[in-house]
N, C-alpha and C. Protein backbone atom coordinates (compact mmCIF):
# COMPACT_ATOMS: atom_id res chain seq x y z
N MET A 1 -59.72 -115.42 201.76
CA MET A 1 -59.12 -114.19 201.23
C MET A 1 -58.22 -113.50 202.26
N GLY A 2 -57.04 -113.23 201.95
CA GLY A 2 -56.11 -112.63 202.87
C GLY A 2 -56.39 -111.13 202.89
N GLU A 3 -55.76 -110.48 203.97
CA GLU A 3 -55.93 -109.06 204.13
C GLU A 3 -55.36 -108.23 202.86
N GLU A 4 -54.21 -108.70 202.40
CA GLU A 4 -53.65 -107.98 201.26
C GLU A 4 -54.44 -108.04 199.93
N SER A 5 -54.99 -109.26 199.69
CA SER A 5 -55.84 -109.35 198.50
C SER A 5 -57.13 -108.59 198.68
N GLU A 6 -57.65 -108.54 199.95
CA GLU A 6 -58.80 -107.76 200.16
C GLU A 6 -58.68 -106.28 199.90
N LYS A 7 -57.41 -105.81 200.33
CA LYS A 7 -57.14 -104.34 200.04
C LYS A 7 -57.05 -104.03 198.59
N HIS A 8 -56.51 -105.01 197.82
CA HIS A 8 -56.46 -104.79 196.43
C HIS A 8 -57.75 -104.88 195.75
N ASN A 9 -58.58 -105.67 196.08
CA ASN A 9 -59.92 -105.95 195.46
C ASN A 9 -60.99 -104.93 195.91
N ALA A 10 -60.80 -104.28 197.07
CA ALA A 10 -61.70 -103.37 197.62
C ALA A 10 -61.69 -102.06 196.88
N CYS A 11 -62.83 -101.49 196.62
CA CYS A 11 -62.87 -100.06 195.99
C CYS A 11 -63.00 -99.21 197.23
N GLN A 12 -61.84 -98.67 197.82
CA GLN A 12 -61.95 -97.98 199.09
C GLN A 12 -62.07 -96.51 199.05
N TYR A 13 -62.22 -95.99 197.79
CA TYR A 13 -62.32 -94.64 197.59
C TYR A 13 -63.61 -94.32 196.84
N GLY A 14 -63.89 -92.98 196.74
CA GLY A 14 -65.05 -92.60 196.05
C GLY A 14 -66.38 -92.77 196.75
N ASN A 15 -67.47 -92.96 196.01
CA ASN A 15 -68.80 -92.98 196.51
C ASN A 15 -69.43 -94.39 196.33
N THR A 16 -68.62 -95.34 196.06
CA THR A 16 -69.15 -96.68 195.74
C THR A 16 -69.47 -97.43 197.00
N GLN A 17 -68.84 -97.21 198.01
CA GLN A 17 -69.11 -97.99 199.27
C GLN A 17 -68.88 -99.50 199.00
N MET A 18 -68.05 -99.84 198.16
CA MET A 18 -67.90 -101.30 197.80
C MET A 18 -66.64 -101.86 198.59
N ILE A 19 -66.94 -102.55 199.69
CA ILE A 19 -65.91 -103.25 200.46
C ILE A 19 -66.34 -104.65 200.64
N PRO A 20 -65.52 -105.63 200.16
CA PRO A 20 -65.99 -107.01 200.13
C PRO A 20 -66.63 -107.52 201.47
N ASP A 21 -65.93 -107.29 202.50
CA ASP A 21 -66.54 -107.69 203.84
C ASP A 21 -66.20 -106.68 204.88
N PRO A 22 -67.04 -105.72 205.19
CA PRO A 22 -66.82 -104.60 206.10
C PRO A 22 -66.63 -105.13 207.59
N THR A 23 -67.00 -106.39 207.76
CA THR A 23 -66.88 -106.83 209.14
C THR A 23 -65.48 -107.36 209.55
N THR A 24 -64.66 -107.56 208.63
CA THR A 24 -63.30 -108.03 208.91
C THR A 24 -62.47 -106.84 209.35
N ASP A 25 -61.33 -107.15 209.97
CA ASP A 25 -60.38 -106.11 210.36
C ASP A 25 -59.91 -105.27 209.19
N ALA A 26 -59.60 -106.00 208.09
CA ALA A 26 -59.18 -105.28 206.85
C ALA A 26 -60.33 -104.33 206.34
N GLY A 27 -61.50 -104.79 206.31
CA GLY A 27 -62.64 -104.06 205.92
C GLY A 27 -62.86 -102.78 206.80
N LYS A 28 -62.78 -102.90 208.08
CA LYS A 28 -62.93 -101.79 209.02
C LYS A 28 -61.84 -100.73 208.74
N GLU A 29 -60.56 -101.17 208.51
CA GLU A 29 -59.59 -100.21 208.22
C GLU A 29 -59.75 -99.48 206.89
N LEU A 30 -60.32 -100.13 205.88
CA LEU A 30 -60.64 -99.54 204.68
C LEU A 30 -61.75 -98.52 204.88
N ARG A 31 -62.71 -98.80 205.72
CA ARG A 31 -63.83 -97.94 205.94
C ARG A 31 -63.29 -96.65 206.67
N LYS A 32 -62.36 -96.84 207.46
CA LYS A 32 -61.79 -95.58 208.22
C LYS A 32 -61.00 -94.73 207.16
N ALA A 33 -60.42 -95.40 206.22
CA ALA A 33 -59.68 -94.69 205.23
C ALA A 33 -60.42 -94.11 204.06
N GLU A 34 -61.66 -94.43 204.02
CA GLU A 34 -62.50 -94.01 202.96
C GLU A 34 -62.78 -92.52 202.90
N THR A 35 -62.73 -91.98 201.74
CA THR A 35 -63.07 -90.48 201.66
C THR A 35 -64.02 -90.29 200.40
N SER A 36 -64.83 -89.34 200.40
CA SER A 36 -65.84 -89.13 199.41
C SER A 36 -65.14 -88.18 198.29
N LEU A 37 -65.49 -88.45 197.08
CA LEU A 37 -64.97 -87.57 196.04
C LEU A 37 -66.08 -86.48 195.83
N GLY A 38 -65.56 -85.20 195.88
CA GLY A 38 -66.30 -84.01 195.79
C GLY A 38 -66.71 -83.64 194.36
N TRP A 39 -67.66 -84.31 193.73
CA TRP A 39 -67.94 -84.01 192.36
C TRP A 39 -68.51 -82.64 192.19
N ASP A 40 -69.30 -82.05 193.13
CA ASP A 40 -69.87 -80.77 193.03
C ASP A 40 -69.07 -79.64 193.60
N LYS A 41 -67.77 -79.95 193.97
CA LYS A 41 -66.92 -78.92 194.53
C LYS A 41 -65.60 -78.95 193.80
N THR A 42 -64.68 -78.13 194.28
CA THR A 42 -63.35 -78.07 193.60
C THR A 42 -62.27 -78.59 194.38
N ARG A 43 -62.61 -79.24 195.61
CA ARG A 43 -61.57 -79.64 196.44
C ARG A 43 -60.77 -80.89 195.93
N ASN A 44 -61.35 -81.59 194.99
CA ASN A 44 -60.56 -82.69 194.34
C ASN A 44 -60.37 -82.47 192.90
N ALA A 45 -60.37 -81.18 192.44
CA ALA A 45 -60.19 -80.79 191.03
C ALA A 45 -58.84 -81.14 190.56
N LYS A 46 -57.83 -81.24 191.40
CA LYS A 46 -56.48 -81.48 190.94
C LYS A 46 -56.12 -82.96 191.07
N VAL A 47 -57.11 -83.85 191.42
CA VAL A 47 -56.84 -85.20 191.72
C VAL A 47 -57.29 -86.00 190.39
N ASP A 48 -56.48 -87.00 190.02
CA ASP A 48 -56.82 -87.94 189.00
C ASP A 48 -57.86 -88.88 189.53
N ILE A 49 -59.11 -88.80 189.07
CA ILE A 49 -60.22 -89.60 189.76
C ILE A 49 -60.02 -91.03 189.49
N ARG A 50 -59.15 -91.47 188.63
CA ARG A 50 -58.98 -92.86 188.38
C ARG A 50 -58.37 -93.63 189.54
N VAL A 51 -57.67 -92.87 190.41
CA VAL A 51 -57.13 -93.50 191.61
C VAL A 51 -58.23 -93.80 192.65
N TYR A 52 -59.37 -93.22 192.46
CA TYR A 52 -60.51 -93.52 193.37
C TYR A 52 -61.17 -94.82 193.03
N TYR A 53 -61.02 -95.21 191.77
CA TYR A 53 -61.79 -96.44 191.36
C TYR A 53 -60.85 -97.58 190.84
N ALA A 54 -59.62 -97.36 190.67
CA ALA A 54 -58.70 -98.34 190.16
C ALA A 54 -57.29 -98.11 190.83
N HIS A 55 -57.39 -97.91 192.23
CA HIS A 55 -56.09 -97.47 192.89
C HIS A 55 -54.99 -98.55 192.84
N HIS A 56 -55.46 -99.82 192.63
CA HIS A 56 -54.52 -100.90 192.64
C HIS A 56 -53.64 -101.04 191.34
N ARG A 57 -53.93 -100.23 190.38
CA ARG A 57 -53.17 -100.25 189.02
C ARG A 57 -51.73 -99.68 189.25
N ASP A 58 -50.83 -100.28 188.42
CA ASP A 58 -49.51 -99.72 188.45
C ASP A 58 -49.39 -98.40 187.64
N ALA A 59 -48.46 -97.60 187.91
CA ALA A 59 -48.29 -96.27 187.13
C ALA A 59 -48.25 -96.34 185.67
N ASP A 60 -47.49 -97.42 185.22
CA ASP A 60 -47.40 -97.66 183.82
C ASP A 60 -48.54 -98.11 183.08
N ARG A 61 -49.62 -98.46 183.81
CA ARG A 61 -50.85 -98.92 183.12
C ARG A 61 -51.91 -97.81 182.87
N TRP A 62 -51.56 -96.63 183.38
CA TRP A 62 -52.47 -95.49 183.08
C TRP A 62 -52.37 -95.05 181.63
N THR A 63 -53.48 -94.62 180.99
CA THR A 63 -53.39 -94.08 179.63
C THR A 63 -53.14 -92.58 179.74
N GLN A 64 -52.57 -92.11 178.75
CA GLN A 64 -52.28 -90.63 178.69
C GLN A 64 -53.54 -89.87 178.07
N CYS A 65 -53.77 -88.72 178.61
CA CYS A 65 -54.95 -87.97 178.16
C CYS A 65 -54.71 -87.43 176.78
N ARG A 66 -55.72 -87.55 175.83
CA ARG A 66 -55.57 -87.10 174.52
C ARG A 66 -55.53 -85.54 174.53
N TRP A 67 -56.07 -84.94 175.56
CA TRP A 67 -56.16 -83.50 175.51
C TRP A 67 -55.09 -82.90 176.57
N ALA A 68 -54.01 -83.60 176.70
CA ALA A 68 -52.98 -83.13 177.70
C ALA A 68 -52.54 -81.73 177.39
N THR A 69 -52.36 -81.40 176.13
CA THR A 69 -52.04 -80.06 175.73
C THR A 69 -53.01 -79.46 174.70
N SER A 70 -52.97 -78.14 174.65
CA SER A 70 -54.00 -77.44 173.86
C SER A 70 -53.60 -77.64 172.32
N ARG A 71 -52.44 -77.90 171.98
CA ARG A 71 -52.06 -78.06 170.60
C ARG A 71 -52.42 -76.94 169.68
N GLY A 72 -52.11 -75.73 170.13
CA GLY A 72 -52.35 -74.52 169.35
C GLY A 72 -53.74 -73.84 169.71
N ALA A 73 -54.60 -74.58 170.31
CA ALA A 73 -55.86 -74.01 170.63
C ALA A 73 -55.75 -73.23 171.95
N PRO A 74 -56.78 -72.45 172.34
CA PRO A 74 -56.74 -71.66 173.57
C PRO A 74 -56.41 -72.52 174.76
N PHE A 75 -55.63 -72.03 175.72
CA PHE A 75 -55.23 -72.78 176.85
C PHE A 75 -56.39 -73.31 177.65
N PHE A 76 -57.44 -72.56 177.68
CA PHE A 76 -58.59 -72.99 178.64
C PHE A 76 -59.34 -74.12 178.09
N TYR A 77 -58.98 -74.53 176.79
CA TYR A 77 -59.65 -75.73 176.32
C TYR A 77 -59.32 -76.92 177.20
N THR A 78 -58.06 -77.02 177.75
CA THR A 78 -57.55 -78.25 178.48
C THR A 78 -57.45 -77.92 179.99
N ALA A 79 -57.54 -76.74 180.39
CA ALA A 79 -57.27 -76.42 181.77
C ALA A 79 -58.46 -75.59 182.33
N SER A 80 -58.60 -75.61 183.67
CA SER A 80 -59.75 -74.95 184.29
C SER A 80 -59.31 -73.83 185.19
N TYR A 81 -59.92 -72.69 185.05
CA TYR A 81 -59.61 -71.49 185.84
C TYR A 81 -59.92 -71.78 187.32
N SER A 82 -60.94 -72.47 187.52
CA SER A 82 -61.39 -72.79 189.08
C SER A 82 -60.48 -73.65 189.73
N SER A 83 -59.60 -74.44 189.04
CA SER A 83 -58.69 -75.34 189.71
C SER A 83 -57.20 -74.86 189.49
N GLU A 84 -57.18 -73.49 189.34
CA GLU A 84 -55.82 -72.85 189.19
C GLU A 84 -55.09 -73.40 187.92
N TRP A 85 -55.87 -73.51 186.85
CA TRP A 85 -55.39 -74.03 185.51
C TRP A 85 -54.77 -75.41 185.47
N HIS A 86 -55.44 -76.24 186.33
CA HIS A 86 -55.02 -77.64 186.34
C HIS A 86 -55.74 -78.28 185.14
N PRO A 87 -55.08 -79.33 184.60
CA PRO A 87 -55.75 -80.14 183.44
C PRO A 87 -57.08 -80.58 183.86
N VAL A 88 -58.00 -80.45 182.89
CA VAL A 88 -59.36 -80.95 183.04
C VAL A 88 -59.45 -82.52 182.94
N CYS A 89 -58.66 -83.03 182.13
CA CYS A 89 -58.72 -84.41 181.83
C CYS A 89 -58.58 -85.35 183.14
N TYR A 90 -59.59 -86.27 183.27
CA TYR A 90 -59.64 -87.29 184.40
C TYR A 90 -59.72 -86.58 185.68
N SER A 91 -60.45 -85.38 185.70
CA SER A 91 -60.65 -84.70 186.97
C SER A 91 -62.14 -84.41 187.19
N THR A 92 -62.52 -84.03 188.37
CA THR A 92 -64.01 -83.67 188.60
C THR A 92 -64.36 -82.43 187.80
N GLU A 93 -63.41 -81.68 187.28
CA GLU A 93 -63.74 -80.51 186.47
C GLU A 93 -64.47 -80.92 185.12
N ALA A 94 -64.11 -82.17 184.62
CA ALA A 94 -64.74 -82.61 183.42
C ALA A 94 -66.26 -82.63 183.53
N LEU A 95 -66.71 -82.92 184.69
CA LEU A 95 -68.24 -82.97 184.89
C LEU A 95 -68.78 -81.51 184.70
N LYS A 96 -68.06 -80.62 185.35
CA LYS A 96 -68.61 -79.17 185.24
C LYS A 96 -68.52 -78.63 183.90
N PHE A 97 -67.45 -79.04 183.10
CA PHE A 97 -67.49 -78.64 181.70
C PHE A 97 -68.74 -79.32 181.01
N ALA A 98 -69.02 -80.60 181.29
CA ALA A 98 -70.11 -81.16 180.57
C ALA A 98 -71.40 -80.47 180.98
N GLN A 99 -71.62 -80.01 182.23
CA GLN A 99 -72.80 -79.39 182.64
C GLN A 99 -72.92 -77.98 181.97
N SER A 100 -71.84 -77.33 181.75
CA SER A 100 -71.78 -76.02 181.10
C SER A 100 -72.19 -76.19 179.62
N GLY A 101 -71.69 -77.26 179.05
CA GLY A 101 -72.10 -77.58 177.65
C GLY A 101 -73.64 -77.92 177.45
N TYR A 102 -74.21 -78.52 178.52
CA TYR A 102 -75.52 -78.84 178.60
C TYR A 102 -76.40 -77.54 178.77
N LEU A 103 -75.91 -76.57 179.56
CA LEU A 103 -76.57 -75.34 179.67
C LEU A 103 -76.65 -74.55 178.44
N VAL A 104 -75.54 -74.55 177.60
CA VAL A 104 -75.49 -73.89 176.34
C VAL A 104 -76.52 -74.59 175.44
N SER A 105 -76.59 -75.92 175.39
CA SER A 105 -77.50 -76.70 174.57
C SER A 105 -78.95 -76.31 174.82
N ILE A 106 -79.25 -76.07 176.14
CA ILE A 106 -80.62 -75.54 176.39
C ILE A 106 -80.95 -74.28 175.76
N VAL A 107 -79.99 -73.42 175.73
CA VAL A 107 -80.23 -72.04 175.08
C VAL A 107 -80.32 -72.29 173.61
N CYS A 108 -79.54 -73.15 173.03
CA CYS A 108 -79.64 -73.43 171.61
C CYS A 108 -80.93 -73.92 171.17
N VAL A 109 -81.54 -74.87 171.87
CA VAL A 109 -82.92 -75.32 171.47
C VAL A 109 -84.02 -74.32 171.77
N GLN A 110 -83.69 -73.41 172.67
CA GLN A 110 -84.69 -72.36 172.96
C GLN A 110 -84.71 -71.32 171.70
N TRP A 111 -83.63 -71.23 170.96
CA TRP A 111 -83.75 -70.50 169.71
C TRP A 111 -84.90 -71.03 168.85
N ALA A 112 -84.88 -72.38 168.70
CA ALA A 112 -85.88 -73.02 167.88
C ALA A 112 -87.25 -72.86 168.43
N ASP A 113 -87.33 -72.92 169.82
CA ASP A 113 -88.67 -72.73 170.45
C ASP A 113 -89.26 -71.40 170.24
N LEU A 114 -88.35 -70.45 170.35
CA LEU A 114 -88.90 -69.01 170.12
C LEU A 114 -89.30 -68.82 168.59
N MET A 115 -88.61 -69.37 167.66
CA MET A 115 -88.95 -69.17 166.28
C MET A 115 -90.18 -69.95 165.87
N ILE A 116 -90.44 -71.12 166.44
CA ILE A 116 -91.66 -71.95 166.03
C ILE A 116 -92.93 -71.44 166.73
N CYS A 117 -92.73 -70.71 167.82
CA CYS A 117 -93.89 -70.19 168.49
C CYS A 117 -94.31 -68.91 167.94
N LYS A 118 -93.71 -68.20 166.97
CA LYS A 118 -94.05 -66.95 166.49
C LYS A 118 -95.43 -67.07 165.79
N THR A 119 -95.66 -68.07 165.02
CA THR A 119 -97.03 -68.25 164.32
C THR A 119 -97.55 -69.62 164.56
N ARG A 120 -98.93 -69.76 164.31
CA ARG A 120 -99.59 -71.12 164.41
C ARG A 120 -99.49 -71.80 163.12
N ASN A 121 -99.61 -71.15 162.02
CA ASN A 121 -99.66 -71.84 160.70
C ASN A 121 -98.78 -71.23 159.64
N LEU A 122 -98.34 -70.06 159.80
CA LEU A 122 -97.42 -69.48 158.76
C LEU A 122 -95.96 -69.91 159.00
N SER A 123 -95.35 -70.06 157.81
CA SER A 123 -94.01 -70.43 157.77
C SER A 123 -93.12 -69.24 158.28
N LEU A 124 -91.97 -69.41 158.83
CA LEU A 124 -91.08 -68.40 159.26
C LEU A 124 -90.66 -67.60 158.01
N SER A 125 -90.55 -68.19 156.86
CA SER A 125 -90.26 -67.36 155.61
C SER A 125 -91.40 -66.48 155.21
N GLN A 126 -92.64 -66.74 155.65
CA GLN A 126 -93.71 -65.91 155.35
C GLN A 126 -93.90 -64.79 156.41
N GLN A 127 -93.63 -65.17 157.68
CA GLN A 127 -93.76 -64.23 158.78
C GLN A 127 -92.49 -63.34 158.84
N GLY A 128 -91.35 -63.87 158.74
CA GLY A 128 -90.21 -63.07 158.91
C GLY A 128 -89.84 -62.78 160.38
N MET A 129 -88.59 -62.33 160.58
CA MET A 129 -88.06 -62.07 161.88
C MET A 129 -88.19 -60.58 162.07
N VAL A 130 -89.49 -60.16 162.22
CA VAL A 130 -89.81 -58.72 162.37
C VAL A 130 -90.01 -58.23 163.81
N ASN A 131 -90.12 -59.12 164.73
CA ASN A 131 -90.36 -58.82 166.07
C ASN A 131 -89.02 -58.45 166.77
N ASN A 132 -88.86 -57.19 166.98
CA ASN A 132 -87.54 -56.69 167.57
C ASN A 132 -87.35 -57.21 168.98
N PHE A 133 -88.42 -57.35 169.81
CA PHE A 133 -88.21 -57.92 171.07
C PHE A 133 -87.74 -59.31 171.00
N GLY A 134 -88.40 -60.13 170.05
CA GLY A 134 -87.95 -61.48 169.97
C GLY A 134 -86.51 -61.65 169.55
N ASN A 135 -86.11 -60.72 168.61
CA ASN A 135 -84.73 -60.78 168.02
C ASN A 135 -83.75 -60.32 169.23
N PHE A 136 -84.16 -59.31 170.02
CA PHE A 136 -83.35 -59.06 171.21
C PHE A 136 -83.24 -60.21 172.21
N GLY A 137 -84.30 -60.93 172.33
CA GLY A 137 -84.19 -62.04 173.23
C GLY A 137 -83.27 -63.10 172.77
N LEU A 138 -83.30 -63.35 171.47
CA LEU A 138 -82.33 -64.38 170.94
C LEU A 138 -80.91 -63.99 171.23
N PHE A 139 -80.54 -62.63 170.98
CA PHE A 139 -79.30 -62.22 171.14
C PHE A 139 -78.89 -62.15 172.74
N PHE A 140 -79.88 -61.72 173.52
CA PHE A 140 -79.59 -61.55 174.92
C PHE A 140 -79.38 -62.93 175.62
N GLU A 141 -80.11 -63.90 175.30
CA GLU A 141 -79.92 -65.15 175.97
C GLU A 141 -78.62 -65.85 175.48
N THR A 142 -78.19 -65.63 174.30
CA THR A 142 -76.99 -66.08 173.78
C THR A 142 -75.70 -65.37 174.50
N ALA A 143 -75.88 -64.11 174.49
CA ALA A 143 -74.78 -63.26 175.15
C ALA A 143 -74.73 -63.62 176.68
N LEU A 144 -75.91 -63.89 177.23
CA LEU A 144 -75.86 -64.08 178.77
C LEU A 144 -75.21 -65.39 179.02
N VAL A 145 -75.46 -66.47 178.37
CA VAL A 145 -74.87 -67.78 178.65
C VAL A 145 -73.41 -67.71 178.28
N ALA A 146 -72.92 -66.87 177.35
CA ALA A 146 -71.55 -66.78 176.91
C ALA A 146 -70.89 -66.06 178.07
N ILE A 147 -71.48 -65.07 178.68
CA ILE A 147 -70.88 -64.30 179.76
C ILE A 147 -70.79 -65.29 181.02
N LEU A 148 -71.74 -66.05 181.22
CA LEU A 148 -71.73 -67.00 182.42
C LEU A 148 -70.66 -67.97 182.29
N CYS A 149 -70.36 -68.35 181.00
CA CYS A 149 -69.32 -69.41 180.75
C CYS A 149 -67.89 -68.75 180.79
N TYR A 150 -67.73 -67.70 180.15
CA TYR A 150 -66.33 -67.15 179.85
C TYR A 150 -65.88 -66.03 180.70
N VAL A 151 -66.65 -65.62 181.65
CA VAL A 151 -66.17 -64.61 182.67
C VAL A 151 -65.73 -65.42 183.94
N PRO A 152 -64.29 -65.48 184.12
CA PRO A 152 -63.73 -66.29 185.18
C PRO A 152 -64.37 -66.23 186.55
N PRO A 153 -64.68 -64.98 187.15
CA PRO A 153 -65.22 -64.87 188.48
C PRO A 153 -66.60 -65.65 188.52
N LEU A 154 -67.41 -65.60 187.41
CA LEU A 154 -68.72 -66.28 187.41
C LEU A 154 -68.49 -67.76 187.40
N ASN A 155 -67.37 -68.34 186.93
CA ASN A 155 -67.06 -69.72 186.98
C ASN A 155 -67.04 -70.18 188.54
N VAL A 156 -66.39 -69.32 189.26
CA VAL A 156 -66.37 -69.67 190.71
C VAL A 156 -67.75 -69.46 191.41
N ALA A 157 -68.41 -68.44 190.99
CA ALA A 157 -69.65 -68.14 191.71
C ALA A 157 -70.82 -69.05 191.42
N LEU A 158 -70.92 -69.37 190.00
CA LEU A 158 -72.01 -70.26 189.60
C LEU A 158 -71.68 -71.67 189.15
N GLY A 159 -70.34 -71.97 189.09
CA GLY A 159 -69.99 -73.38 188.76
C GLY A 159 -69.97 -73.55 187.31
N THR A 160 -70.03 -72.56 186.52
CA THR A 160 -69.87 -72.77 185.04
C THR A 160 -68.42 -72.86 184.63
N ARG A 161 -68.13 -73.31 183.39
CA ARG A 161 -66.73 -73.44 182.93
C ARG A 161 -66.58 -72.87 181.54
N MET A 162 -65.31 -72.59 181.20
CA MET A 162 -65.04 -72.04 179.80
C MET A 162 -65.01 -73.20 178.91
N ILE A 163 -66.07 -73.65 178.22
CA ILE A 163 -66.02 -74.79 177.38
C ILE A 163 -65.30 -74.45 176.03
N ALA A 164 -64.81 -75.41 175.37
CA ALA A 164 -64.13 -75.09 174.12
C ALA A 164 -65.16 -74.57 173.07
N PHE A 165 -64.74 -73.60 172.25
CA PHE A 165 -65.66 -72.94 171.25
C PHE A 165 -66.37 -73.98 170.39
N PRO A 166 -65.65 -75.10 169.95
CA PRO A 166 -66.50 -76.05 169.19
C PRO A 166 -67.57 -76.73 169.95
N HIS A 167 -67.53 -76.65 171.26
CA HIS A 167 -68.58 -77.25 172.11
C HIS A 167 -69.70 -76.23 172.44
N PHE A 168 -69.57 -74.98 171.96
CA PHE A 168 -70.54 -73.99 172.29
C PHE A 168 -71.70 -74.04 171.26
N ALA A 169 -72.79 -74.65 171.65
CA ALA A 169 -74.01 -74.87 170.88
C ALA A 169 -73.85 -75.72 169.54
N VAL A 170 -72.61 -76.06 169.24
CA VAL A 170 -72.34 -76.76 167.96
C VAL A 170 -72.98 -78.28 168.22
N PRO A 171 -72.64 -78.92 169.24
CA PRO A 171 -73.21 -80.40 169.30
C PRO A 171 -74.74 -80.43 169.37
N SER A 172 -75.38 -79.38 169.93
CA SER A 172 -76.76 -79.37 170.07
C SER A 172 -77.55 -78.67 168.93
N PHE A 173 -76.76 -78.26 167.96
CA PHE A 173 -77.35 -77.48 166.80
C PHE A 173 -78.26 -78.49 165.98
N SER A 174 -77.94 -79.69 166.02
CA SER A 174 -78.76 -80.66 165.29
C SER A 174 -80.13 -80.80 165.82
N PHE A 175 -80.29 -80.59 167.16
CA PHE A 175 -81.60 -80.60 167.79
C PHE A 175 -82.41 -79.28 167.35
N PHE A 176 -81.65 -78.24 167.37
CA PHE A 176 -82.34 -76.99 166.85
C PHE A 176 -82.84 -77.17 165.50
N VAL A 177 -82.06 -77.80 164.56
CA VAL A 177 -82.53 -77.98 163.12
C VAL A 177 -83.69 -78.95 163.15
N ALA A 178 -83.65 -80.07 164.01
CA ALA A 178 -84.69 -80.96 164.04
C ALA A 178 -86.01 -80.36 164.42
N ILE A 179 -85.95 -79.55 165.60
CA ILE A 179 -87.17 -78.98 166.06
C ILE A 179 -87.71 -77.99 165.03
N PHE A 180 -86.86 -77.14 164.44
CA PHE A 180 -87.29 -76.11 163.59
C PHE A 180 -88.01 -76.76 162.30
N PHE A 181 -87.35 -77.73 161.66
CA PHE A 181 -87.90 -78.29 160.43
C PHE A 181 -89.03 -79.16 160.70
N TYR A 182 -89.11 -79.81 161.83
CA TYR A 182 -90.36 -80.54 162.19
C TYR A 182 -91.59 -79.58 162.17
N ASP A 183 -91.37 -78.45 162.86
CA ASP A 183 -92.49 -77.58 163.01
C ASP A 183 -92.93 -76.90 161.66
N GLU A 184 -91.80 -76.69 160.83
CA GLU A 184 -92.21 -76.13 159.44
C GLU A 184 -92.96 -77.17 158.69
N LEU A 185 -92.73 -78.47 158.80
CA LEU A 185 -93.49 -79.46 158.17
C LEU A 185 -94.86 -79.49 158.70
N ARG A 186 -94.97 -79.43 160.05
CA ARG A 186 -96.31 -79.44 160.72
C ARG A 186 -97.18 -78.26 160.18
N LYS A 187 -96.58 -77.09 159.98
CA LYS A 187 -97.27 -75.96 159.46
C LYS A 187 -97.75 -76.12 158.01
N ILE A 188 -96.88 -76.83 157.32
CA ILE A 188 -97.24 -77.07 155.82
C ILE A 188 -98.52 -77.92 155.87
N TRP A 189 -98.48 -79.00 156.65
CA TRP A 189 -99.63 -79.88 156.67
C TRP A 189 -100.93 -79.16 157.18
N LEU A 190 -100.64 -78.25 158.09
CA LEU A 190 -101.85 -77.51 158.73
C LEU A 190 -102.37 -76.64 157.63
N ARG A 191 -101.48 -75.92 156.92
CA ARG A 191 -102.00 -75.03 155.84
C ARG A 191 -102.70 -75.80 154.78
N ASN A 192 -102.34 -76.98 154.41
CA ASN A 192 -102.96 -77.76 153.47
C ASN A 192 -104.40 -78.21 153.89
N GLY A 193 -104.56 -78.25 155.26
CA GLY A 193 -105.90 -78.59 155.80
C GLY A 193 -106.87 -77.41 156.04
N MET A 194 -106.41 -76.32 155.61
CA MET A 194 -107.27 -75.05 155.80
C MET A 194 -108.16 -74.88 154.57
N LYS A 195 -109.38 -75.00 154.62
CA LYS A 195 -110.31 -74.85 153.50
C LYS A 195 -111.39 -73.79 153.78
N ARG A 196 -111.62 -73.04 152.84
CA ARG A 196 -112.68 -71.96 152.99
C ARG A 196 -113.99 -72.39 152.47
N GLU A 197 -115.01 -72.51 153.22
CA GLU A 197 -116.36 -72.97 152.92
C GLU A 197 -117.31 -72.03 153.38
N ASP A 198 -118.16 -71.67 152.54
CA ASP A 198 -119.37 -70.73 152.81
C ASP A 198 -118.73 -69.54 153.47
N GLY A 199 -117.72 -68.99 152.98
CA GLY A 199 -117.07 -67.73 153.45
C GLY A 199 -116.39 -67.88 154.83
N ARG A 200 -116.28 -69.14 155.30
CA ARG A 200 -115.71 -69.38 156.65
C ARG A 200 -114.44 -70.28 156.40
N LEU A 201 -113.43 -70.11 157.19
CA LEU A 201 -112.23 -70.95 157.19
C LEU A 201 -112.38 -72.13 158.08
N ARG A 202 -112.25 -73.24 157.52
CA ARG A 202 -112.40 -74.54 158.28
C ARG A 202 -111.09 -75.34 158.19
N LEU A 203 -110.82 -75.89 159.31
CA LEU A 203 -109.68 -76.74 159.31
C LEU A 203 -109.94 -78.21 159.26
N LYS A 204 -109.33 -78.91 158.26
CA LYS A 204 -109.58 -80.30 158.00
C LYS A 204 -108.30 -81.08 158.00
N GLY A 205 -108.48 -82.41 158.11
CA GLY A 205 -107.23 -83.26 157.94
C GLY A 205 -106.87 -83.71 159.41
N TRP A 206 -106.00 -84.77 159.34
CA TRP A 206 -105.63 -85.43 160.59
C TRP A 206 -104.71 -84.53 161.46
N ILE A 207 -103.98 -83.58 160.71
CA ILE A 207 -103.03 -82.77 161.55
C ILE A 207 -103.79 -81.70 162.36
N VAL A 208 -104.99 -81.44 162.10
CA VAL A 208 -105.85 -80.47 162.80
C VAL A 208 -106.23 -81.11 164.14
């Protein structure tokens, strides 16, 4: 294998450390030129990360980003404040947007956790949302995560990002529904197993 073919076959960028033969002169040169991609920082936020892993491709072989423009949507759907409004597509910023979406999804499923923990066997329709502190907690945690995502200075301080509104809790809402209705079914089975015998309430059945 010649030096030129080695250079084309080697993945000389990123964190892969993939060099066909680091003992050759060409491999040593590639090692010197190697640089790490800062996934957890913003120093490479304006770099198309595809050049780190497929640098030998010609320019006309790159695909165009489907989210290159906002198409009537808010501008921050496709650009990041932390990278001076550089496009998110094919950048390290995409990872931070995904992490912010995951943070919001945690809050979303916590809504279900709070509601199902209100009672042991009563349905939420029987108990009602009468706990003002619990209701305040639902509102506060939602408002807090929204502030963390959509206040620009906090994007810099905490690494959060302004995710698109359709990505705010919507993808994880199915998990909220699954958790909530599973527990409602569990409580139905539990109530069916509650029998009063000799003046005492006894729990029977496999669900107990």
